[in-house]
């Protein structure tokens, strides 16, 4: 999974798989779900992420959880 934040567009993007979408649905509240050819989700976009207080421009903190350990990264 890849997590990206586009500060200019204020979009937080979770890419679940590396493939182009064939369909996308915008949910109420500015959430866009994109789907691959197999009908499974490939990405989730959250519009206006900083306005929703999901991210603070200039600081991104991500916690990765695995079965062995948890790591926190600051970008």
PDB file of N, CA and C in Angstrom:
ATOM      1  N   UNK A   1       0.851  -1.163   0.000  1.00  0.00           N
ATOM      2  CA  UNK A   1       0.000   0.000   0.000  1.00  0.00           C
ATOM      3  C   UNK A   1       0.903   1.233   0.000  1.00  0.00           C
ATOM      4  N   UNK A   2       0.491   2.231  -0.747  1.00  0.00           N
ATOM      5  CA  UNK A   2       1.192   3.503  -0.787  1.00  0.00           C
ATOM      6  C   UNK A   2       0.248   4.586  -0.288  1.00  0.00           C
ATOM      7  N   UNK A   3       0.809   5.523   0.466  1.00  0.00           N
ATOM      8  CA  UNK A   3       0.037   6.651   0.967  1.00  0.00           C
ATOM      9  C   UNK A   3       0.716   7.911   0.460  1.00  0.00           C
ATOM     10  N   UNK A   4      -0.068   8.763  -0.203  1.00  0.00           N
ATOM     11  CA  UNK A   4       0.466  10.023  -0.721  1.00  0.00           C
ATOM     12  C   UNK A   4      -0.458  11.168  -0.326  1.00  0.00           C
ATOM     13  N   UNK A   5       0.158  12.330  -0.161  1.00  0.00           N
ATOM     14  CA  UNK A   5      -0.624  13.533   0.093  1.00  0.00           C
ATOM     15  C   UNK A   5      -0.216  14.571  -0.928  1.00  0.00           C
ATOM     16  N   UNK A   6      -1.175  15.091  -1.666  1.00  0.00           N
ATOM     17  CA  UNK A   6      -0.947  16.159  -2.636  1.00  0.00           C
ATOM     18  C   UNK A   6      -1.372  17.456  -1.960  1.00  0.00           C
ATOM     19  N   UNK A   7      -0.375  18.229  -1.540  1.00  0.00           N
ATOM     20  CA  UNK A   7      -0.671  19.456  -0.790  1.00  0.00           C
ATOM     21  C   UNK A   7      -1.382  20.489  -1.655  1.00  0.00           C
ATOM     22  N   UNK A   8      -1.024  20.591  -2.934  1.00  0.00           N
ATOM     23  CA  UNK A   8      -1.666  21.576  -3.814  1.00  0.00           C
ATOM     24  C   UNK A   8      -3.155  21.282  -3.998  1.00  0.00           C
ATOM     25  N   UNK A   9      -3.496  20.004  -4.159  1.00  0.00           N
ATOM     26  CA  UNK A   9      -4.898  19.615  -4.353  1.00  0.00           C
ATOM     27  C   UNK A   9      -5.593  19.289  -3.037  1.00  0.00           C
ATOM     28  N   UNK A  10      -4.818  19.151  -1.947  1.00  0.00           N
ATOM     29  CA  UNK A  10      -5.331  18.778  -0.625  1.00  0.00           C
ATOM     30  C   UNK A  10      -6.069  17.446  -0.681  1.00  0.00           C
ATOM     31  N   UNK A  11      -5.398  16.451  -1.288  1.00  0.00           N
ATOM     32  CA  UNK A  11      -5.961  15.107  -1.426  1.00  0.00           C
ATOM     33  C   UNK A  11      -5.043  14.101  -0.748  1.00  0.00           C
ATOM     34  N   UNK A  12      -5.619  13.262   0.099  1.00  0.00           N
ATOM     35  CA  UNK A  12      -4.912  12.163   0.723  1.00  0.00           C
ATOM     36  C   UNK A  12      -5.293  10.909  -0.053  1.00  0.00           C
ATOM     37  N   UNK A  13      -4.288  10.195  -0.588  1.00  0.00           N
ATOM     38  CA  UNK A  13      -4.536   9.051  -1.467  1.00  0.00           C
ATOM     39  C   UNK A  13      -3.923   7.793  -0.882  1.00  0.00           C
ATOM     40  N   UNK A  14      -4.738   6.771  -0.734  1.00  0.00           N
ATOM     41  CA  UNK A  14      -4.296   5.443  -0.326  1.00  0.00           C
ATOM     42  C   UNK A  14      -4.366   4.544  -1.555  1.00  0.00           C
ATOM     43  N   UNK A  15      -3.214   4.156  -2.084  1.00  0.00           N
ATOM     44  CA  UNK A  15      -3.174   3.247  -3.238  1.00  0.00           C
ATOM     45  C   UNK A  15      -2.995   1.833  -2.711  1.00  0.00           C
ATOM     46  N   UNK A  16      -3.978   1.002  -2.948  1.00  0.00           N
ATOM     47  CA  UNK A  16      -3.954  -0.361  -2.433  1.00  0.00           C
ATOM     48  C   UNK A  16      -3.261  -1.323  -3.392  1.00  0.00           C
ATOM     49  N   UNK A  17      -3.373  -1.044  -4.689  1.00  0.00           N
ATOM     50  CA  UNK A  17      -2.744  -1.880  -5.723  1.00  0.00           C
ATOM     51  C   UNK A  17      -2.270  -0.980  -6.849  1.00  0.00           C
ATOM     52  N   UNK A  18      -1.188  -1.394  -7.518  1.00  0.00           N
ATOM     53  CA  UNK A  18      -0.633  -0.626  -8.634  1.00  0.00           C
ATOM     54  C   UNK A  18      -1.257  -1.076  -9.949  1.00  0.00           C
ATOM     55  N   UNK A  19      -2.414  -0.539 -10.244  1.00  0.00           N
ATOM     56  CA  UNK A  19      -3.067  -0.793 -11.519  1.00  0.00           C
ATOM     57  C   UNK A  19      -4.034   0.345 -11.804  1.00  0.00           C
ATOM     58  N   UNK A  20      -4.320   0.586 -13.066  1.00  0.00           N
ATOM     59  CA  UNK A  20      -5.234   1.688 -13.392  1.00  0.00           C
ATOM     60  C   UNK A  20      -6.682   1.347 -13.020  1.00  0.00           C
ATOM     61  N   UNK A  21      -7.431   2.342 -12.582  1.00  0.00           N
ATOM     62  CA  UNK A  21      -8.840   2.092 -12.250  1.00  0.00           C
ATOM     63  C   UNK A  21      -9.689   1.965 -13.506  1.00  0.00           C
ATOM     64  N   UNK A  22     -10.727   1.168 -13.402  1.00  0.00           N
ATOM     65  CA  UNK A  22     -11.695   1.062 -14.499  1.00  0.00           C
ATOM     66  C   UNK A  22     -13.032   1.671 -14.104  1.00  0.00           C
ATOM     67  N   UNK A  23     -13.194   1.957 -12.811  1.00  0.00           N
ATOM     68  CA  UNK A  23     -14.436   2.548 -12.327  1.00  0.00           C
ATOM     69  C   UNK A  23     -14.127   3.303 -11.039  1.00  0.00           C
ATOM     70  N   UNK A  24     -14.897   4.326 -10.760  1.00  0.00           N
ATOM     71  CA  UNK A  24     -14.734   5.090  -9.528  1.00  0.00           C
ATOM     72  C   UNK A  24     -16.093   5.587  -9.073  1.00  0.00           C
ATOM     73  N   UNK A  25     -16.265   5.641  -7.777  1.00  0.00           N
ATOM     74  CA  UNK A  25     -17.514   6.117  -7.183  1.00  0.00           C
ATOM     75  C   UNK A  25     -17.162   7.191  -6.168  1.00  0.00           C
ATOM     76  N   UNK A  26     -17.806   8.366  -6.278  1.00  0.00           N
ATOM     77  CA  UNK A  26     -17.615   9.408  -5.280  1.00  0.00           C
ATOM     78  C   UNK A  26     -18.709   9.280  -4.237  1.00  0.00           C
ATOM     79  N   UNK A  27     -18.277   9.023  -3.032  1.00  0.00           N
ATOM     80  CA  UNK A  27     -19.196   8.893  -1.915  1.00  0.00           C
ATOM     81  C   UNK A  27     -19.513  10.281  -1.365  1.00  0.00           C
ATOM     82  N   UNK A  28     -20.620  10.442  -0.661  1.00  0.00           N
ATOM     83  CA  UNK A  28     -20.913  11.721  -0.034  1.00  0.00           C
ATOM     84  C   UNK A  28     -19.788  12.113   0.918  1.00  0.00           C
ATOM     85  N   UNK A  29     -19.455  13.383   0.933  1.00  0.00           N
ATOM     86  CA  UNK A  29     -18.412  13.853   1.827  1.00  0.00           C
ATOM     87  C   UNK A  29     -17.031  13.901   1.215  1.00  0.00           C
ATOM     88  N   UNK A  30     -16.921  13.652  -0.093  1.00  0.00           N
ATOM     89  CA  UNK A  30     -15.630  13.802  -0.755  1.00  0.00           C
ATOM     90  C   UNK A  30     -14.693  12.626  -0.645  1.00  0.00           C
ATOM     91  N   UNK A  31     -15.211  11.426  -0.627  1.00  0.00           N
ATOM     92  CA  UNK A  31     -14.411  10.202  -0.635  1.00  0.00           C
ATOM     93  C   UNK A  31     -14.606   9.549  -1.995  1.00  0.00           C
ATOM     94  N   UNK A  32     -13.496   9.242  -2.674  1.00  0.00           N
ATOM     95  CA  UNK A  32     -13.576   8.602  -3.986  1.00  0.00           C
ATOM     96  C   UNK A  32     -12.951   7.218  -3.889  1.00  0.00           C
ATOM     97  N   UNK A  33     -13.729   6.195  -4.236  1.00  0.00           N
ATOM     98  CA  UNK A  33     -13.257   4.817  -4.265  1.00  0.00           C
ATOM     99  C   UNK A  33     -13.063   4.410  -5.713  1.00  0.00           C
ATOM    100  N   UNK A  34     -11.867   3.922  -6.041  1.00  0.00           N
ATOM    101  CA  UNK A  34     -11.583   3.463  -7.400  1.00  0.00           C
ATOM    102  C   UNK A  34     -11.441   1.950  -7.390  1.00  0.00           C
ATOM    103  N   UNK A  35     -11.921   1.322  -8.475  1.00  0.00           N
ATOM    104  CA  UNK A  35     -11.950  -0.133  -8.563  1.00  0.00           C
ATOM    105  C   UNK A  35     -11.189  -0.618  -9.787  1.00  0.00           C
ATOM    106  N   UNK A  36     -10.588  -1.802  -9.651  1.00  0.00           N
ATOM    107  CA  UNK A  36      -9.881  -2.437 -10.755  1.00  0.00           C
ATOM    108  C   UNK A  36     -10.816  -3.283 -11.593  1.00  0.00           C
ATOM    109  N   UNK A  37     -10.252  -3.948 -12.606  1.00  0.00           N
ATOM    110  CA  UNK A  37     -11.041  -4.793 -13.503  1.00  0.00           C
ATOM    111  C   UNK A  37     -11.762  -5.917 -12.779  1.00  0.00           C
ATOM    112  N   UNK A  38     -11.189  -6.389 -11.676  1.00  0.00           N
ATOM    113  CA  UNK A  38     -11.807  -7.494 -10.930  1.00  0.00           C
ATOM    114  C   UNK A  38     -12.892  -7.030  -9.961  1.00  0.00           C
ATOM    115  N   UNK A  39     -13.165  -5.719  -9.940  1.00  0.00           N
ATOM    116  CA  UNK A  39     -14.206  -5.187  -9.075  1.00  0.00           C
ATOM    117  C   UNK A  39     -13.756  -4.911  -7.650  1.00  0.00           C
ATOM    118  N   UNK A  40     -12.492  -5.165  -7.362  1.00  0.00           N
ATOM    119  CA  UNK A  40     -11.952  -4.921  -6.028  1.00  0.00           C
ATOM    120  C   UNK A  40     -11.396  -3.503  -5.948  1.00  0.00           C
ATOM    121  N   UNK A  41     -11.434  -2.874  -4.770  1.00  0.00           N
ATOM    122  CA  UNK A  41     -10.919  -1.513  -4.645  1.00  0.00           C
ATOM    123  C   UNK A  41      -9.408  -1.460  -4.863  1.00  0.00           C
ATOM    124  N   UNK A  42      -8.959  -0.397  -5.550  1.00  0.00           N
ATOM    125  CA  UNK A  42      -7.522  -0.202  -5.758  1.00  0.00           C
ATOM    126  C   UNK A  42      -7.021   1.090  -5.115  1.00  0.00           C
ATOM    127  N   UNK A  43      -7.932   2.030  -4.836  1.00  0.00           N
ATOM    128  CA  UNK A  43      -7.500   3.264  -4.173  1.00  0.00           C
ATOM    129  C   UNK A  43      -8.665   3.945  -3.475  1.00  0.00           C
ATOM    130  N   UNK A  44      -8.292   4.764  -2.487  1.00  0.00           N
ATOM    131  CA  UNK A  44      -9.245   5.593  -1.756  1.00  0.00           C
ATOM    132  C   UNK A  44      -8.662   7.002  -1.721  1.00  0.00           C
ATOM    133  N   UNK A  45      -9.416   7.975  -2.200  1.00  0.00           N
ATOM    134  CA  UNK A  45      -8.991   9.373  -2.182  1.00  0.00           C
ATOM    135  C   UNK A  45      -9.883  10.133  -1.211  1.00  0.00           C
ATOM    136  N   UNK A  46      -9.267  10.944  -0.381  1.00  0.00           N
ATOM    137  CA  UNK A  46     -10.018  11.787   0.539  1.00  0.00           C
ATOM    138  C   UNK A  46      -9.745  13.231   0.142  1.00  0.00           C
ATOM    139  N   UNK A  47     -10.794  13.903  -0.329  1.00  0.00           N
ATOM    140  CA  UNK A  47     -10.674  15.292  -0.756  1.00  0.00           C
ATOM    141  C   UNK A  47     -10.706  16.220   0.451  1.00  0.00           C
ATOM    142  N   UNK A  48     -10.040  17.368   0.329  1.00  0.00           N
ATOM    143  CA  UNK A  48      -9.999  18.376   1.398  1.00  0.00           C
ATOM    144  C   UNK A  48      -9.497  17.786   2.717  1.00  0.00           C
ATOM    145  N   UNK A  49      -8.419  17.025   2.634  1.00  0.00           N
ATOM    146  CA  UNK A  49      -7.902  16.306   3.801  1.00  0.00           C
ATOM    147  C   UNK A  49      -7.493  17.234   4.944  1.00  0.00           C
ATOM    148  N   UNK A  50      -6.857  18.368   4.635  1.00  0.00           N
ATOM    149  CA  UNK A  50      -6.420  19.255   5.726  1.00  0.00           C
ATOM    150  C   UNK A  50      -7.604  19.989   6.353  1.00  0.00           C
ATOM    151  N   UNK A  51      -8.603  20.315   5.553  1.00  0.00           N
ATOM    152  CA  UNK A  51      -9.801  20.978   6.080  1.00  0.00           C
ATOM    153  C   UNK A  51     -10.532  20.046   7.046  1.00  0.00           C
ATOM    154  N   UNK A  52     -10.475  18.743   6.770  1.00  0.00           N
ATOM    155  CA  UNK A  52     -11.109  17.743   7.636  1.00  0.00           C
ATOM    156  C   UNK A  52     -10.239  17.396   8.844  1.00  0.00           C
ATOM    157  N   UNK A  53      -9.070  18.022   8.938  1.00  0.00           N
ATOM    158  CA  UNK A  53      -8.114  17.786  10.023  1.00  0.00           C
ATOM    159  C   UNK A  53      -7.591  16.349  10.021  1.00  0.00           C
ATOM    160  N   UNK A  54      -7.505  15.740   8.829  1.00  0.00           N
ATOM    161  CA  UNK A  54      -6.931  14.404   8.698  1.00  0.00           C
ATOM    162  C   UNK A  54      -5.428  14.476   8.517  1.00  0.00           C
ATOM    163  N   UNK A  55      -4.956  15.632   8.095  1.00  0.00           N
ATOM    164  CA  UNK A  55      -3.536  15.819   7.844  1.00  0.00           C
ATOM    165  C   UNK A  55      -3.198  17.280   8.072  1.00  0.00           C
ATOM    166  N   UNK A  56      -2.006  17.540   8.549  1.00  0.00           N
ATOM    167  CA  UNK A  56      -1.542  18.903   8.718  1.00  0.00           C
ATOM    168  C   UNK A  56      -0.443  19.145   7.694  1.00  0.00           C
ATOM    169  N   UNK A  57      -0.623  20.105   6.803  1.00  0.00           N
ATOM    170  CA  UNK A  57       0.414  20.382   5.805  1.00  0.00           C
ATOM    171  C   UNK A  57       1.766  20.603   6.472  1.00  0.00           C
ATOM    172  N   UNK A  58       2.785  19.988   5.883  1.00  0.00           N
ATOM    173  CA  UNK A  58       4.133  20.107   6.423  1.00  0.00           C
ATOM    174  C   UNK A  58       4.520  18.973   7.343  1.00  0.00           C
ATOM    175  N   UNK A  59       3.551  18.225   7.855  1.00  0.00           N
ATOM    176  CA  UNK A  59       3.866  17.091   8.714  1.00  0.00           C
ATOM    177  C   UNK A  59       2.900  15.953   8.447  1.00  0.00           C
ATOM    178  N   UNK A  60       3.456  14.817   8.103  1.00  0.00           N
ATOM    179  CA  UNK A  60       2.661  13.614   7.893  1.00  0.00           C
ATOM    180  C   UNK A  60       3.220  12.536   8.802  1.00  0.00           C
ATOM    181  N   UNK A  61       2.380  11.913   9.579  1.00  0.00           N
ATOM    182  CA  UNK A  61       2.791  10.828  10.456  1.00  0.00           C
ATOM    183  C   UNK A  61       2.030   9.578  10.053  1.00  0.00           C
ATOM    184  N   UNK A  62       2.765   8.496   9.814  1.00  0.00           N
ATOM    185  CA  UNK A  62       2.151   7.244   9.379  1.00  0.00           C
ATOM    186  C   UNK A  62       2.599   6.139  10.321  1.00  0.00           C
ATOM    187  N   UNK A  63       1.683   5.319  10.789  1.00  0.00           N
ATOM    188  CA  UNK A  63       2.015   4.162  11.602  1.00  0.00           C
ATOM    189  C   UNK A  63       1.726   2.917  10.788  1.00  0.00           C
ATOM    190  N   UNK A  64       2.754   2.076  10.637  1.00  0.00           N
ATOM    191  CA  UNK A  64       2.610   0.824   9.908  1.00  0.00           C
ATOM    192  C   UNK A  64       2.540  -0.307  10.916  1.00  0.00           C
ATOM    193  N   UNK A  65       1.528  -1.138  10.816  1.00  0.00           N
ATOM    194  CA  UNK A  65       1.352  -2.251  11.742  1.00  0.00           C
ATOM    195  C   UNK A  65       1.582  -3.553  10.990  1.00  0.00           C
ATOM    196  N   UNK A  66       2.499  -4.359  11.467  1.00  0.00           N
ATOM    197  CA  UNK A  66       2.713  -5.683  10.914  1.00  0.00           C
ATOM    198  C   UNK A  66       2.540  -6.685  12.041  1.00  0.00           C
ATOM    199  N   UNK A  67       2.560  -7.954  11.702  1.00  0.00           N
ATOM    200  CA  UNK A  67       2.390  -8.959  12.740  1.00  0.00           C
ATOM    201  C   UNK A  67       3.604  -9.010  13.679  1.00  0.00           C
ATOM    202  N   UNK A  68       4.752  -8.508  13.212  1.00  0.00           N
ATOM    203  CA  UNK A  68       5.965  -8.561  14.012  1.00  0.00           C
ATOM    204  C   UNK A  68       6.198  -7.310  14.840  1.00  0.00           C
ATOM    205  N   UNK A  69       5.870  -6.126  14.279  1.00  0.00           N
ATOM    206  CA  UNK A  69       6.161  -4.895  14.999  1.00  0.00           C
ATOM    207  C   UNK A  69       5.345  -3.740  14.444  1.00  0.00           C
ATOM    208  N   UNK A  70       5.389  -2.657  15.158  1.00  0.00           N
ATOM    209  CA  UNK A  70       4.736  -1.436  14.722  1.00  0.00           C
ATOM    210  C   UNK A  70       5.817  -0.370  14.547  1.00  0.00           C
ATOM    211  N   UNK A  71       5.765   0.363  13.433  1.00  0.00           N
ATOM    212  CA  UNK A  71       6.723   1.426  13.189  1.00  0.00           C
ATOM    213  C   UNK A  71       5.984   2.722  12.919  1.00  0.00           C
ATOM    214  N   UNK A  72       6.518   3.806  13.412  1.00  0.00           N
ATOM    215  CA  UNK A  72       5.984   5.126  13.121  1.00  0.00           C
ATOM    216  C   UNK A  72       6.989   5.875  12.260  1.00  0.00           C
ATOM    217  N   UNK A  73       6.510   6.508  11.215  1.00  0.00           N
ATOM    218  CA  UNK A  73       7.347   7.281  10.319  1.00  0.00           C
ATOM    219  C   UNK A  73       6.837   8.707  10.291  1.00  0.00           C
ATOM    220  N   UNK A  74       7.741   9.667  10.275  1.00  0.00           N
ATOM    221  CA  UNK A  74       7.360  11.059  10.103  1.00  0.00           C
ATOM    222  C   UNK A  74       7.959  11.539   8.800  1.00  0.00           C
ATOM    223  N   UNK A  75       7.135  12.150   7.972  1.00  0.00           N
ATOM    224  CA  UNK A  75       7.573  12.661   6.671  1.00  0.00           C
ATOM    225  C   UNK A  75       7.422  14.163   6.684  1.00  0.00           C
TER     226      UNK A  75
END
